[in-house]
Amino acid sequence: MDDEEQLREILIEREEEHRDLDETISRLMETPPVNFLQLQRLKKRKLQLKDEISKLKSSLLPDIIA
């Protein structure tokens, strides 16, 4: 398995985790009482994943010479 394939697999895993967190956050917000500390931690992790996903996507895109 080459580096690009590994990056694609990691990207897929991170995107799945991001979606799962989104669903979990939505469910937590709909179900009182809301644990704001837990919600804040999940949102922070979701943002970290979003950043990581962006970096992975940019590393997989070929460099375009303008």
C-alpha atoms as a PDB file:
ATOM      1  CA  MET A   1       0.000   0.000   0.000  1.00  0.00           C
ATOM      2  CA  ASP A   2       1.488   3.351  -0.967  1.00  0.00           C
ATOM      3  CA  ASP A   3       1.320   6.649   0.893  1.00  0.00           C
ATOM      4  CA  GLU A   4      -1.554   8.023  -1.166  1.00  0.00           C
ATOM      5  CA  GLU A   5      -3.730   4.987  -0.435  1.00  0.00           C
ATOM      6  CA  GLN A   6      -2.961   5.282   3.271  1.00  0.00           C
ATOM      7  CA  LEU A   7      -3.892   8.966   3.224  1.00  0.00           C
ATOM      8  CA  ARG A   8      -7.163   8.175   1.457  1.00  0.00           C
ATOM      9  CA  GLU A   9      -8.028   5.543   4.068  1.00  0.00           C
ATOM     10  CA  ILE A  10      -7.242   7.954   6.891  1.00  0.00           C
ATOM     11  CA  LEU A  11      -9.353  10.598   5.165  1.00  0.00           C
ATOM     12  CA  ILE A  12     -12.322   8.231   4.938  1.00  0.00           C
ATOM     13  CA  GLU A  13     -11.974   7.322   8.619  1.00  0.00           C
ATOM     14  CA  ARG A  14     -11.821  10.982   9.672  1.00  0.00           C
ATOM     15  CA  GLU A  15     -14.833  11.890   7.542  1.00  0.00           C
ATOM     16  CA  GLU A  16     -16.826   9.050   9.105  1.00  0.00           C
ATOM     17  CA  GLU A  17     -15.838  10.135  12.600  1.00  0.00           C
ATOM     18  CA  HIS A  18     -16.796  13.724  11.729  1.00  0.00           C
ATOM     19  CA  ARG A  19     -20.256  12.597  10.557  1.00  0.00           C
ATOM     20  CA  ASP A  20     -20.701  10.450  13.657  1.00  0.00           C
ATOM     21  CA  LEU A  21     -19.797  13.362  15.899  1.00  0.00           C
ATOM     22  CA  ASP A  22     -22.250  15.574  14.050  1.00  0.00           C
ATOM     23  CA  GLU A  23     -25.045  13.077  14.709  1.00  0.00           C
ATOM     24  CA  THR A  24     -24.019  12.649  18.339  1.00  0.00           C
ATOM     25  CA  ILE A  25     -23.944  16.410  18.900  1.00  0.00           C
ATOM     26  CA  SER A  26     -27.387  16.777  17.341  1.00  0.00           C
ATOM     27  CA  ARG A  27     -28.811  14.029  19.558  1.00  0.00           C
ATOM     28  CA  LEU A  28     -27.245  15.527  22.678  1.00  0.00           C
ATOM     29  CA  MET A  29     -28.708  18.940  21.955  1.00  0.00           C
ATOM     30  CA  GLU A  30     -32.190  17.478  21.485  1.00  0.00           C
ATOM     31  CA  THR A  31     -32.137  15.438  24.691  1.00  0.00           C
ATOM     32  CA  PRO A  32     -32.397  17.386  27.939  1.00  0.00           C
ATOM     33  CA  PRO A  33     -30.620  17.844  30.200  1.00  0.00           C
ATOM     34  CA  VAL A  34     -27.774  18.969  27.969  1.00  0.00           C
ATOM     35  CA  ASN A  35     -24.273  18.237  29.242  1.00  0.00           C
ATOM     36  CA  PHE A  36     -22.546  21.371  27.993  1.00  0.00           C
ATOM     37  CA  LEU A  37     -19.066  20.227  28.948  1.00  0.00           C
ATOM     38  CA  GLN A  38     -19.448  17.033  26.930  1.00  0.00           C
ATOM     39  CA  LEU A  39     -20.986  19.014  24.073  1.00  0.00           C
ATOM     40  CA  GLN A  40     -18.065  21.436  24.077  1.00  0.00           C
ATOM     41  CA  ARG A  41     -15.541  18.581  23.974  1.00  0.00           C
ATOM     42  CA  LEU A  42     -17.340  16.925  21.073  1.00  0.00           C
ATOM     43  CA  LYS A  43     -17.488  20.176  19.133  1.00  0.00           C
ATOM     44  CA  LYS A  44     -13.787  20.763  19.738  1.00  0.00           C
ATOM     45  CA  ARG A  45     -12.966  17.274  18.452  1.00  0.00           C
ATOM     46  CA  LYS A  46     -15.205  17.881  15.438  1.00  0.00           C
ATOM     47  CA  LEU A  47     -13.271  21.062  14.613  1.00  0.00           C
ATOM     48  CA  GLN A  48      -9.968  19.212  14.964  1.00  0.00           C
ATOM     49  CA  LEU A  49     -11.241  16.580  12.558  1.00  0.00           C
ATOM     50  CA  LYS A  50     -12.376  19.244  10.101  1.00  0.00           C
ATOM     51  CA  ASP A  51      -8.879  20.747  10.099  1.00  0.00           C
ATOM     52  CA  GLU A  52      -7.288  17.339   9.690  1.00  0.00           C
ATOM     53  CA  ILE A  53      -9.654  16.486   6.817  1.00  0.00           C
ATOM     54  CA  SER A  54      -8.739  19.740   5.067  1.00  0.00           C
ATOM     55  CA  LYS A  55      -5.029  19.010   5.413  1.00  0.00           C
ATOM     56  CA  LEU A  56      -5.459  15.469   4.124  1.00  0.00           C
ATOM     57  CA  LYS A  57      -7.472  16.640   1.126  1.00  0.00           C
ATOM     58  CA  SER A  58      -4.916  19.300   0.251  1.00  0.00           C
ATOM     59  CA  SER A  59      -2.076  16.789   0.505  1.00  0.00           C
ATOM     60  CA  LEU A  60      -3.912  14.463  -1.875  1.00  0.00           C
ATOM     61  CA  LEU A  61      -4.530  17.148  -4.487  1.00  0.00           C
ATOM     62  CA  PRO A  62      -1.771  17.476  -7.069  1.00  0.00           C
ATOM     63  CA  ASP A  63       0.134  20.752  -7.016  1.00  0.00           C
ATOM     64  CA  ILE A  64      -1.208  23.073  -9.667  1.00  0.00           C
ATOM     65  CA  ILE A  65       1.295  25.379 -11.258  1.00  0.00           C
ATOM     66  CA  ALA A  66      -0.332  28.726 -11.989  1.00  0.00           C
END
